[in-house]
Amino acid sequence: MSSAPWPVALTTARLHLRPIEAADVPAVSRLWTDPAVRRYLGGPVPEETVRARERGCVGAFGAFGVVLRADGTVVGGVLLEPDSRHDGRTEVSYQLLPEHWGHGYGREAVWAAVSWAFDALTPGRPEVVAVTQEANAPSRRLLEALGMRQVDAFTEFGAPQVMYALTRDPDGQPRQVPRT
């Protein structure tokens, strides 16, 4: 577990990223059950798993609800895992509800979370990674738009996956990772 302060709220031009609140649970639950959202994530999560996640998501470390500043609508979520299963590297993952796709909210939210991770969550670590299915072209475009570069490919959960990474340069700014 990180020693970074939590809860944390982040603000962008259009979004507010904050710890998930009880009122967010219905929208967050949709992220786990919507077939379009879950298309590249193994399909909708079983109801018993959703109920367990609902009990644990409010205030969970690294889990941000992504909310429109204009009207408070929950559009999705971003998760930062400082000691992920990928060699202990910090991993960012994200999901948006389908009606909010195509507006740039994902890119804006993920960039805010990754920037915060470099500054506060993983100050001594050189990179943040993200994994998506190889077939998930929209997610890959989002990661590439942030300057992330593919650094690995593997099969997991019965499907080809790709890992992207963004590193920080010596002055602390995020920069692209060379492909290996």
N, C-alpha and C. Protein backbone atom coordinates (compact mmCIF):
# COMPACT_ATOMS: atom_id res chain seq x y z
N MET A 1 0.85 -1.18 0.00
CA MET A 1 0.00 0.00 0.00
C MET A 1 0.89 1.24 0.00
N SER A 2 0.51 2.22 -0.70
CA SER A 2 1.27 3.45 -0.82
C SER A 2 1.10 4.31 0.42
N SER A 3 2.08 5.16 0.68
CA SER A 3 1.96 6.13 1.77
C SER A 3 1.40 7.45 1.28
N ALA A 4 1.03 7.54 0.01
CA ALA A 4 0.44 8.76 -0.54
C ALA A 4 -0.85 9.06 0.20
N PRO A 5 -1.14 10.34 0.41
CA PRO A 5 -2.37 10.69 1.13
C PRO A 5 -3.61 10.27 0.34
N TRP A 6 -4.60 9.79 1.07
CA TRP A 6 -5.87 9.42 0.47
C TRP A 6 -6.94 9.77 1.48
N PRO A 7 -8.02 10.33 1.14
CA PRO A 7 -8.52 10.52 -0.21
C PRO A 7 -7.91 11.73 -0.90
N VAL A 8 -7.90 11.65 -2.19
CA VAL A 8 -7.38 12.70 -3.05
C VAL A 8 -8.46 13.07 -4.05
N ALA A 9 -8.57 14.35 -4.34
CA ALA A 9 -9.47 14.80 -5.40
C ALA A 9 -8.61 15.53 -6.44
N LEU A 10 -8.88 15.26 -7.70
CA LEU A 10 -8.16 15.88 -8.80
C LEU A 10 -9.16 16.62 -9.67
N THR A 11 -8.76 17.75 -10.20
CA THR A 11 -9.66 18.54 -11.03
C THR A 11 -8.99 18.83 -12.36
N THR A 12 -9.76 18.66 -13.42
CA THR A 12 -9.31 19.03 -14.77
C THR A 12 -10.26 20.11 -15.26
N ALA A 13 -10.10 20.50 -16.51
CA ALA A 13 -10.97 21.53 -17.07
C ALA A 13 -12.44 21.15 -16.99
N ARG A 14 -12.75 19.86 -17.23
CA ARG A 14 -14.15 19.44 -17.28
C ARG A 14 -14.54 18.41 -16.24
N LEU A 15 -13.56 17.84 -15.56
CA LEU A 15 -13.82 16.70 -14.70
C LEU A 15 -13.34 16.90 -13.27
N HIS A 16 -13.97 16.16 -12.42
CA HIS A 16 -13.54 16.05 -11.02
C HIS A 16 -13.32 14.57 -10.77
N LEU A 17 -12.12 14.20 -10.36
CA LEU A 17 -11.81 12.82 -9.99
C LEU A 17 -11.72 12.80 -8.48
N ARG A 18 -12.52 11.93 -7.86
CA ARG A 18 -12.55 11.88 -6.41
C ARG A 18 -12.82 10.46 -5.96
N PRO A 19 -12.52 10.17 -4.69
CA PRO A 19 -12.84 8.83 -4.21
C PRO A 19 -14.32 8.52 -4.45
N ILE A 20 -14.60 7.26 -4.74
CA ILE A 20 -15.96 6.85 -5.01
C ILE A 20 -16.81 7.03 -3.75
N GLU A 21 -17.97 7.62 -3.94
CA GLU A 21 -18.91 7.88 -2.85
C GLU A 21 -20.10 6.93 -2.97
N ALA A 22 -20.86 6.78 -1.90
CA ALA A 22 -22.01 5.88 -1.89
C ALA A 22 -22.99 6.21 -3.02
N ALA A 23 -23.19 7.49 -3.30
CA ALA A 23 -24.12 7.89 -4.36
C ALA A 23 -23.63 7.48 -5.75
N ASP A 24 -22.35 7.17 -5.89
CA ASP A 24 -21.77 6.78 -7.18
C ASP A 24 -21.98 5.29 -7.48
N VAL A 25 -22.32 4.51 -6.49
CA VAL A 25 -22.36 3.05 -6.64
C VAL A 25 -23.23 2.59 -7.81
N PRO A 26 -24.43 3.13 -8.04
CA PRO A 26 -25.19 2.66 -9.20
C PRO A 26 -24.45 2.85 -10.53
N ALA A 27 -23.81 3.99 -10.72
CA ALA A 27 -23.07 4.22 -11.97
C ALA A 27 -21.86 3.30 -12.04
N VAL A 28 -21.14 3.15 -10.95
CA VAL A 28 -19.97 2.27 -10.92
C VAL A 28 -20.39 0.83 -11.19
N SER A 29 -21.51 0.41 -10.64
CA SER A 29 -22.01 -0.94 -10.88
C SER A 29 -22.31 -1.16 -12.36
N ARG A 30 -22.78 -0.13 -13.03
CA ARG A 30 -23.01 -0.24 -14.48
C ARG A 30 -21.71 -0.52 -15.22
N LEU A 31 -20.61 0.03 -14.73
CA LEU A 31 -19.32 -0.22 -15.37
C LEU A 31 -18.98 -1.71 -15.33
N TRP A 32 -19.44 -2.42 -14.32
CA TRP A 32 -19.13 -3.84 -14.18
C TRP A 32 -20.14 -4.73 -14.88
N THR A 33 -21.29 -4.17 -15.28
CA THR A 33 -22.35 -5.01 -15.84
C THR A 33 -22.72 -4.67 -17.28
N ASP A 34 -22.31 -3.53 -17.77
CA ASP A 34 -22.68 -3.11 -19.13
C ASP A 34 -21.89 -3.93 -20.15
N PRO A 35 -22.58 -4.63 -21.06
CA PRO A 35 -21.86 -5.46 -22.05
C PRO A 35 -20.89 -4.67 -22.93
N ALA A 36 -21.23 -3.44 -23.28
CA ALA A 36 -20.33 -2.64 -24.13
C ALA A 36 -19.06 -2.26 -23.36
N VAL A 37 -19.20 -1.86 -22.10
CA VAL A 37 -18.04 -1.51 -21.28
C VAL A 37 -17.15 -2.74 -21.08
N ARG A 38 -17.78 -3.88 -20.86
CA ARG A 38 -17.08 -5.11 -20.52
C ARG A 38 -16.66 -5.94 -21.73
N ARG A 39 -16.86 -5.40 -22.94
CA ARG A 39 -16.57 -6.16 -24.15
C ARG A 39 -15.16 -6.74 -24.17
N TYR A 40 -14.18 -5.95 -23.75
CA TYR A 40 -12.78 -6.39 -23.76
C TYR A 40 -12.28 -6.73 -22.36
N LEU A 41 -13.22 -6.92 -21.44
CA LEU A 41 -12.85 -7.19 -20.05
C LEU A 41 -13.46 -8.49 -19.55
N GLY A 42 -13.77 -9.38 -20.46
CA GLY A 42 -14.29 -10.68 -20.07
C GLY A 42 -15.79 -10.74 -19.90
N GLY A 43 -16.50 -9.71 -20.29
CA GLY A 43 -17.96 -9.72 -20.20
C GLY A 43 -18.45 -9.19 -18.86
N PRO A 44 -19.76 -9.04 -18.74
CA PRO A 44 -20.33 -8.54 -17.48
C PRO A 44 -19.93 -9.40 -16.29
N VAL A 45 -19.73 -8.74 -15.18
CA VAL A 45 -19.33 -9.40 -13.94
C VAL A 45 -20.56 -10.05 -13.31
N PRO A 46 -20.42 -11.26 -12.77
CA PRO A 46 -21.56 -11.92 -12.12
C PRO A 46 -22.12 -11.08 -10.96
N GLU A 47 -23.42 -11.21 -10.74
CA GLU A 47 -24.11 -10.40 -9.73
C GLU A 47 -23.48 -10.50 -8.35
N GLU A 48 -23.08 -11.69 -7.92
CA GLU A 48 -22.49 -11.82 -6.58
C GLU A 48 -21.16 -11.07 -6.48
N THR A 49 -20.41 -11.04 -7.57
CA THR A 49 -19.15 -10.28 -7.59
C THR A 49 -19.43 -8.78 -7.57
N VAL A 50 -20.45 -8.36 -8.31
CA VAL A 50 -20.84 -6.94 -8.31
C VAL A 50 -21.20 -6.51 -6.90
N ARG A 51 -22.00 -7.31 -6.19
CA ARG A 51 -22.40 -6.94 -4.81
C ARG A 51 -21.18 -6.82 -3.91
N ALA A 52 -20.24 -7.72 -4.04
CA ALA A 52 -19.02 -7.66 -3.22
C ALA A 52 -18.22 -6.40 -3.57
N ARG A 53 -18.11 -6.10 -4.86
CA ARG A 53 -17.38 -4.90 -5.26
C ARG A 53 -18.07 -3.63 -4.78
N GLU A 54 -19.41 -3.64 -4.82
CA GLU A 54 -20.15 -2.47 -4.34
C GLU A 54 -19.83 -2.18 -2.88
N ARG A 55 -19.71 -3.23 -2.08
CA ARG A 55 -19.42 -3.05 -0.65
C ARG A 55 -18.01 -2.50 -0.43
N GLY A 56 -17.10 -2.80 -1.35
CA GLY A 56 -15.71 -2.40 -1.14
C GLY A 56 -15.24 -1.19 -1.92
N CYS A 57 -16.06 -0.64 -2.80
CA CYS A 57 -15.55 0.40 -3.69
C CYS A 57 -15.58 1.81 -3.09
N VAL A 58 -16.49 2.07 -2.15
CA VAL A 58 -16.62 3.41 -1.59
C VAL A 58 -15.36 3.74 -0.81
N GLY A 59 -14.65 4.77 -1.25
CA GLY A 59 -13.44 5.21 -0.59
C GLY A 59 -12.23 4.33 -0.78
N ALA A 60 -12.31 3.32 -1.65
CA ALA A 60 -11.19 2.40 -1.86
C ALA A 60 -9.96 3.16 -2.36
N PHE A 61 -8.80 2.81 -1.82
CA PHE A 61 -7.57 3.50 -2.19
C PHE A 61 -7.31 3.38 -3.68
N GLY A 62 -7.05 4.50 -4.32
CA GLY A 62 -6.68 4.54 -5.73
C GLY A 62 -7.84 4.52 -6.69
N ALA A 63 -9.07 4.34 -6.19
CA ALA A 63 -10.25 4.28 -7.06
C ALA A 63 -10.90 5.66 -7.12
N PHE A 64 -10.93 6.22 -8.31
CA PHE A 64 -11.53 7.53 -8.52
C PHE A 64 -12.85 7.40 -9.26
N GLY A 65 -13.88 8.08 -8.79
CA GLY A 65 -15.07 8.29 -9.59
C GLY A 65 -14.77 9.48 -10.49
N VAL A 66 -15.13 9.39 -11.75
CA VAL A 66 -14.90 10.47 -12.71
C VAL A 66 -16.25 11.17 -12.91
N VAL A 67 -16.29 12.44 -12.53
CA VAL A 67 -17.54 13.19 -12.45
C VAL A 67 -17.42 14.46 -13.31
N LEU A 68 -18.48 14.76 -14.05
CA LEU A 68 -18.51 16.02 -14.81
C LEU A 68 -18.64 17.18 -13.84
N ARG A 69 -17.77 18.16 -13.97
CA ARG A 69 -17.84 19.34 -13.11
C ARG A 69 -19.11 20.13 -13.37
N ALA A 70 -19.58 20.13 -14.61
CA ALA A 70 -20.74 20.94 -14.99
C ALA A 70 -22.01 20.55 -14.25
N ASP A 71 -22.24 19.24 -14.05
CA ASP A 71 -23.51 18.84 -13.45
C ASP A 71 -23.42 17.69 -12.45
N GLY A 72 -22.21 17.20 -12.16
CA GLY A 72 -22.06 16.14 -11.17
C GLY A 72 -22.35 14.74 -11.67
N THR A 73 -22.54 14.56 -12.98
CA THR A 73 -22.81 13.24 -13.53
C THR A 73 -21.57 12.36 -13.44
N VAL A 74 -21.74 11.14 -12.92
CA VAL A 74 -20.64 10.17 -12.89
C VAL A 74 -20.53 9.57 -14.29
N VAL A 75 -19.36 9.74 -14.91
CA VAL A 75 -19.17 9.23 -16.27
C VAL A 75 -18.31 7.98 -16.32
N GLY A 76 -17.62 7.66 -15.22
CA GLY A 76 -16.77 6.49 -15.23
C GLY A 76 -15.90 6.40 -14.00
N GLY A 77 -14.83 5.64 -14.14
CA GLY A 77 -13.90 5.45 -13.04
C GLY A 77 -12.49 5.23 -13.54
N VAL A 78 -11.54 5.58 -12.68
CA VAL A 78 -10.12 5.35 -12.94
C VAL A 78 -9.55 4.70 -11.68
N LEU A 79 -8.72 3.70 -11.88
CA LEU A 79 -8.09 3.01 -10.76
C LEU A 79 -6.58 3.06 -10.93
N LEU A 80 -5.89 3.43 -9.87
CA LEU A 80 -4.43 3.38 -9.82
C LEU A 80 -4.03 2.32 -8.81
N GLU A 81 -3.24 1.36 -9.26
CA GLU A 81 -2.74 0.30 -8.38
C GLU A 81 -1.23 0.47 -8.27
N PRO A 82 -0.74 0.96 -7.13
CA PRO A 82 0.69 1.26 -7.01
C PRO A 82 1.59 0.04 -7.03
N ASP A 83 1.11 -1.12 -6.65
CA ASP A 83 1.91 -2.34 -6.65
C ASP A 83 1.17 -3.41 -7.42
N SER A 84 1.01 -3.19 -8.72
CA SER A 84 0.19 -4.08 -9.54
C SER A 84 0.85 -5.44 -9.73
N ARG A 85 0.09 -6.34 -10.31
CA ARG A 85 0.59 -7.68 -10.61
C ARG A 85 1.60 -7.68 -11.74
N HIS A 86 1.85 -6.53 -12.33
CA HIS A 86 2.81 -6.42 -13.43
C HIS A 86 4.15 -5.94 -12.88
N ASP A 87 4.85 -6.87 -12.25
CA ASP A 87 6.16 -6.62 -11.65
C ASP A 87 6.14 -5.48 -10.65
N GLY A 88 5.01 -5.29 -9.97
CA GLY A 88 4.92 -4.28 -8.94
C GLY A 88 4.87 -2.86 -9.46
N ARG A 89 4.75 -2.70 -10.77
CA ARG A 89 4.68 -1.36 -11.34
C ARG A 89 3.31 -0.76 -11.08
N THR A 90 3.24 0.56 -11.08
CA THR A 90 1.96 1.24 -10.93
C THR A 90 1.17 1.07 -12.22
N GLU A 91 -0.08 0.62 -12.07
CA GLU A 91 -0.94 0.39 -13.23
C GLU A 91 -2.15 1.31 -13.14
N VAL A 92 -2.51 1.87 -14.28
CA VAL A 92 -3.73 2.67 -14.38
C VAL A 92 -4.73 1.88 -15.23
N SER A 93 -5.98 1.86 -14.78
CA SER A 93 -7.05 1.28 -15.58
C SER A 93 -8.23 2.23 -15.52
N TYR A 94 -9.12 2.10 -16.46
CA TYR A 94 -10.20 3.08 -16.60
C TYR A 94 -11.37 2.46 -17.33
N GLN A 95 -12.54 2.99 -17.04
CA GLN A 95 -13.76 2.59 -17.72
C GLN A 95 -14.68 3.80 -17.76
N LEU A 96 -15.34 3.98 -18.87
CA LEU A 96 -16.35 5.04 -19.00
C LEU A 96 -17.66 4.41 -19.44
N LEU A 97 -18.75 4.99 -18.99
CA LEU A 97 -20.06 4.55 -19.44
C LEU A 97 -20.23 4.91 -20.91
N PRO A 98 -20.84 4.04 -21.70
CA PRO A 98 -20.90 4.23 -23.16
C PRO A 98 -21.46 5.57 -23.61
N GLU A 99 -22.43 6.10 -22.91
CA GLU A 99 -23.00 7.38 -23.34
C GLU A 99 -22.02 8.55 -23.20
N HIS A 100 -20.88 8.30 -22.58
CA HIS A 100 -19.87 9.35 -22.41
C HIS A 100 -18.61 9.09 -23.23
N TRP A 101 -18.63 8.08 -24.09
CA TRP A 101 -17.51 7.80 -24.97
C TRP A 101 -17.43 8.88 -26.05
N GLY A 102 -16.23 9.12 -26.53
CA GLY A 102 -16.04 10.01 -27.67
C GLY A 102 -15.98 11.49 -27.34
N HIS A 103 -15.92 11.83 -26.05
CA HIS A 103 -15.87 13.23 -25.64
C HIS A 103 -14.50 13.63 -25.08
N GLY A 104 -13.56 12.70 -25.05
CA GLY A 104 -12.24 12.98 -24.52
C GLY A 104 -12.14 12.89 -23.00
N TYR A 105 -13.22 12.45 -22.33
CA TYR A 105 -13.18 12.36 -20.87
C TYR A 105 -12.18 11.32 -20.39
N GLY A 106 -12.08 10.21 -21.09
CA GLY A 106 -11.13 9.17 -20.69
C GLY A 106 -9.71 9.67 -20.73
N ARG A 107 -9.34 10.31 -21.83
CA ARG A 107 -7.98 10.85 -21.95
C ARG A 107 -7.71 11.87 -20.85
N GLU A 108 -8.66 12.76 -20.61
CA GLU A 108 -8.50 13.80 -19.59
C GLU A 108 -8.36 13.19 -18.19
N ALA A 109 -9.20 12.20 -17.89
CA ALA A 109 -9.18 11.59 -16.57
C ALA A 109 -7.92 10.76 -16.35
N VAL A 110 -7.54 9.97 -17.34
CA VAL A 110 -6.36 9.12 -17.19
C VAL A 110 -5.11 9.98 -17.07
N TRP A 111 -5.01 11.05 -17.85
CA TRP A 111 -3.84 11.93 -17.75
C TRP A 111 -3.75 12.54 -16.36
N ALA A 112 -4.87 13.00 -15.82
CA ALA A 112 -4.86 13.59 -14.47
C ALA A 112 -4.39 12.56 -13.44
N ALA A 113 -4.90 11.33 -13.54
CA ALA A 113 -4.53 10.30 -12.59
C ALA A 113 -3.06 9.90 -12.72
N VAL A 114 -2.59 9.74 -13.95
CA VAL A 114 -1.18 9.38 -14.16
C VAL A 114 -0.26 10.49 -13.68
N SER A 115 -0.60 11.72 -13.97
CA SER A 115 0.21 12.85 -13.50
C SER A 115 0.30 12.87 -11.99
N TRP A 116 -0.84 12.65 -11.33
CA TRP A 116 -0.84 12.60 -9.87
C TRP A 116 0.00 11.42 -9.38
N ALA A 117 -0.12 10.27 -10.03
CA ALA A 117 0.65 9.10 -9.63
C ALA A 117 2.15 9.39 -9.67
N PHE A 118 2.60 10.04 -10.73
CA PHE A 118 4.02 10.37 -10.81
C PHE A 118 4.45 11.32 -9.70
N ASP A 119 3.59 12.26 -9.34
CA ASP A 119 3.94 13.25 -8.32
C ASP A 119 3.82 12.73 -6.89
N ALA A 120 2.77 11.95 -6.61
CA ALA A 120 2.47 11.62 -5.22
C ALA A 120 2.45 10.12 -4.91
N LEU A 121 1.96 9.33 -5.83
CA LEU A 121 1.76 7.92 -5.53
C LEU A 121 3.04 7.12 -5.69
N THR A 122 3.81 7.42 -6.71
CA THR A 122 5.01 6.63 -7.02
C THR A 122 6.20 7.54 -7.29
N PRO A 123 6.54 8.43 -6.35
CA PRO A 123 7.59 9.40 -6.66
C PRO A 123 8.95 8.80 -6.99
N GLY A 124 9.24 7.59 -6.51
CA GLY A 124 10.53 6.98 -6.81
C GLY A 124 10.50 6.01 -7.96
N ARG A 125 9.36 5.85 -8.58
CA ARG A 125 9.23 4.87 -9.66
C ARG A 125 9.22 5.58 -11.01
N PRO A 126 9.84 4.95 -12.00
CA PRO A 126 10.02 5.63 -13.27
C PRO A 126 8.86 5.53 -14.25
N GLU A 127 7.86 4.63 -14.01
CA GLU A 127 6.84 4.48 -15.04
C GLU A 127 5.49 4.08 -14.48
N VAL A 128 4.48 4.33 -15.30
CA VAL A 128 3.12 3.87 -15.06
C VAL A 128 2.73 3.04 -16.28
N VAL A 129 2.07 1.91 -16.04
CA VAL A 129 1.68 1.02 -17.13
C VAL A 129 0.16 0.93 -17.22
N ALA A 130 -0.31 0.49 -18.38
CA ALA A 130 -1.71 0.19 -18.61
C ALA A 130 -1.78 -1.03 -19.51
N VAL A 131 -2.77 -1.89 -19.28
CA VAL A 131 -2.94 -3.10 -20.08
C VAL A 131 -4.34 -3.08 -20.67
N THR A 132 -4.41 -3.45 -21.94
CA THR A 132 -5.70 -3.58 -22.61
C THR A 132 -5.63 -4.73 -23.59
N GLN A 133 -6.79 -5.21 -24.01
CA GLN A 133 -6.79 -6.25 -25.03
C GLN A 133 -6.26 -5.67 -26.33
N GLU A 134 -5.52 -6.49 -27.05
CA GLU A 134 -4.99 -6.08 -28.34
C GLU A 134 -6.11 -5.60 -29.28
N ALA A 135 -7.27 -6.23 -29.20
CA ALA A 135 -8.40 -5.89 -30.08
C ALA A 135 -9.10 -4.59 -29.69
N ASN A 136 -8.80 -4.03 -28.54
CA ASN A 136 -9.50 -2.84 -28.06
C ASN A 136 -8.87 -1.57 -28.64
N ALA A 137 -9.17 -1.31 -29.90
CA ALA A 137 -8.57 -0.18 -30.62
C ALA A 137 -8.85 1.17 -29.95
N PRO A 138 -10.06 1.45 -29.46
CA PRO A 138 -10.28 2.76 -28.82
C PRO A 138 -9.40 2.96 -27.59
N SER A 139 -9.24 1.93 -26.77
CA SER A 139 -8.40 2.06 -25.59
C SER A 139 -6.94 2.25 -25.99
N ARG A 140 -6.50 1.53 -27.00
CA ARG A 140 -5.12 1.68 -27.46
C ARG A 140 -4.87 3.09 -27.98
N ARG A 141 -5.84 3.64 -28.72
CA ARG A 141 -5.69 5.02 -29.21
C ARG A 141 -5.61 6.01 -28.05
N LEU A 142 -6.42 5.79 -27.03
CA LEU A 142 -6.38 6.68 -25.86
C LEU A 142 -4.99 6.65 -25.23
N LEU A 143 -4.47 5.46 -24.99
CA LEU A 143 -3.14 5.34 -24.36
C LEU A 143 -2.06 5.98 -25.23
N GLU A 144 -2.14 5.77 -26.52
CA GLU A 144 -1.15 6.36 -27.43
C GLU A 144 -1.29 7.88 -27.47
N ALA A 145 -2.51 8.40 -27.37
CA ALA A 145 -2.72 9.85 -27.34
C ALA A 145 -2.08 10.48 -26.10
N LEU A 146 -1.95 9.69 -25.03
CA LEU A 146 -1.31 10.19 -23.82
C LEU A 146 0.22 10.10 -23.89
N GLY A 147 0.72 9.53 -24.98
CA GLY A 147 2.17 9.38 -25.13
C GLY A 147 2.68 8.04 -24.64
N MET A 148 1.78 7.15 -24.26
CA MET A 148 2.21 5.82 -23.84
C MET A 148 2.59 5.02 -25.07
N ARG A 149 3.54 4.12 -24.88
CA ARG A 149 4.01 3.28 -25.97
C ARG A 149 3.90 1.82 -25.55
N GLN A 150 3.58 0.97 -26.53
CA GLN A 150 3.48 -0.45 -26.24
C GLN A 150 4.86 -0.98 -25.88
N VAL A 151 4.92 -1.71 -24.76
CA VAL A 151 6.19 -2.26 -24.30
C VAL A 151 6.15 -3.77 -24.14
N ASP A 152 4.96 -4.38 -24.24
CA ASP A 152 4.88 -5.83 -24.08
C ASP A 152 3.58 -6.31 -24.72
N ALA A 153 3.56 -7.59 -25.05
CA ALA A 153 2.37 -8.26 -25.55
C ALA A 153 2.37 -9.66 -24.96
N PHE A 154 1.21 -10.14 -24.57
CA PHE A 154 1.09 -11.46 -23.95
C PHE A 154 -0.36 -11.90 -24.03
N THR A 155 -0.59 -13.16 -23.72
CA THR A 155 -1.95 -13.69 -23.71
C THR A 155 -2.36 -13.91 -22.26
N GLU A 156 -3.53 -13.42 -21.92
CA GLU A 156 -4.07 -13.57 -20.57
C GLU A 156 -5.59 -13.56 -20.69
N PHE A 157 -6.27 -14.33 -19.83
CA PHE A 157 -7.72 -14.42 -19.87
C PHE A 157 -8.22 -14.88 -21.23
N GLY A 158 -7.39 -15.68 -21.93
CA GLY A 158 -7.78 -16.23 -23.20
C GLY A 158 -7.75 -15.27 -24.36
N ALA A 159 -7.09 -14.13 -24.21
CA ALA A 159 -7.06 -13.13 -25.29
C ALA A 159 -5.70 -12.44 -25.32
N PRO A 160 -5.25 -12.02 -26.51
CA PRO A 160 -4.02 -11.26 -26.61
C PRO A 160 -4.16 -9.90 -25.90
N GLN A 161 -3.18 -9.57 -25.08
CA GLN A 161 -3.15 -8.31 -24.33
C GLN A 161 -1.92 -7.51 -24.75
N VAL A 162 -1.99 -6.21 -24.58
CA VAL A 162 -0.84 -5.35 -24.81
C VAL A 162 -0.64 -4.45 -23.59
N MET A 163 0.62 -4.24 -23.25
CA MET A 163 0.96 -3.35 -22.14
C MET A 163 1.59 -2.10 -22.70
N TYR A 164 1.13 -0.98 -22.20
CA TYR A 164 1.68 0.32 -22.56
C TYR A 164 2.34 0.91 -21.33
N ALA A 165 3.32 1.80 -21.55
CA ALA A 165 4.00 2.44 -20.43
C ALA A 165 4.31 3.89 -20.76
N LEU A 166 4.36 4.67 -19.70
CA LEU A 166 4.78 6.07 -19.77
C LEU A 166 5.79 6.24 -18.65
N THR A 167 6.95 6.81 -18.97
CA THR A 167 7.97 7.03 -17.94
C THR A 167 8.09 8.51 -17.65
N ARG A 168 8.84 8.78 -16.60
CA ARG A 168 9.12 10.17 -16.25
C ARG A 168 10.57 10.44 -16.62
N ASP A 169 10.81 11.64 -17.15
CA ASP A 169 12.18 11.97 -17.52
C ASP A 169 12.90 12.54 -16.28
N PRO A 170 14.21 12.85 -16.38
CA PRO A 170 14.96 13.27 -15.21
C PRO A 170 14.39 14.51 -14.50
N ASP A 171 13.68 15.37 -15.21
CA ASP A 171 13.11 16.54 -14.53
C ASP A 171 11.71 16.27 -13.99
N GLY A 172 11.29 14.99 -14.00
CA GLY A 172 10.04 14.60 -13.38
C GLY A 172 8.83 14.62 -14.28
N GLN A 173 9.01 15.02 -15.53
CA GLN A 173 7.87 15.09 -16.45
C GLN A 173 7.64 13.74 -17.11
N PRO A 174 6.35 13.38 -17.34
CA PRO A 174 6.09 12.12 -18.04
C PRO A 174 6.65 12.18 -19.46
N ARG A 175 7.16 11.04 -19.94
CA ARG A 175 7.64 10.94 -21.31
C ARG A 175 7.40 9.54 -21.82
N GLN A 176 7.49 9.38 -23.11
CA GLN A 176 7.24 8.09 -23.74
C GLN A 176 8.32 7.07 -23.41
N VAL A 177 7.95 5.81 -23.42
CA VAL A 177 8.87 4.71 -23.16
C VAL A 177 9.26 4.09 -24.49
N PRO A 178 10.56 3.81 -24.70
CA PRO A 178 10.93 3.12 -25.94
C PRO A 178 10.36 1.71 -25.93
N ARG A 179 9.94 1.26 -27.09
CA ARG A 179 9.39 -0.09 -27.23
C ARG A 179 10.53 -1.10 -27.13
N THR A 180 10.29 -2.20 -26.40
CA THR A 180 11.31 -3.23 -26.25
C THR A 180 11.00 -4.44 -27.07
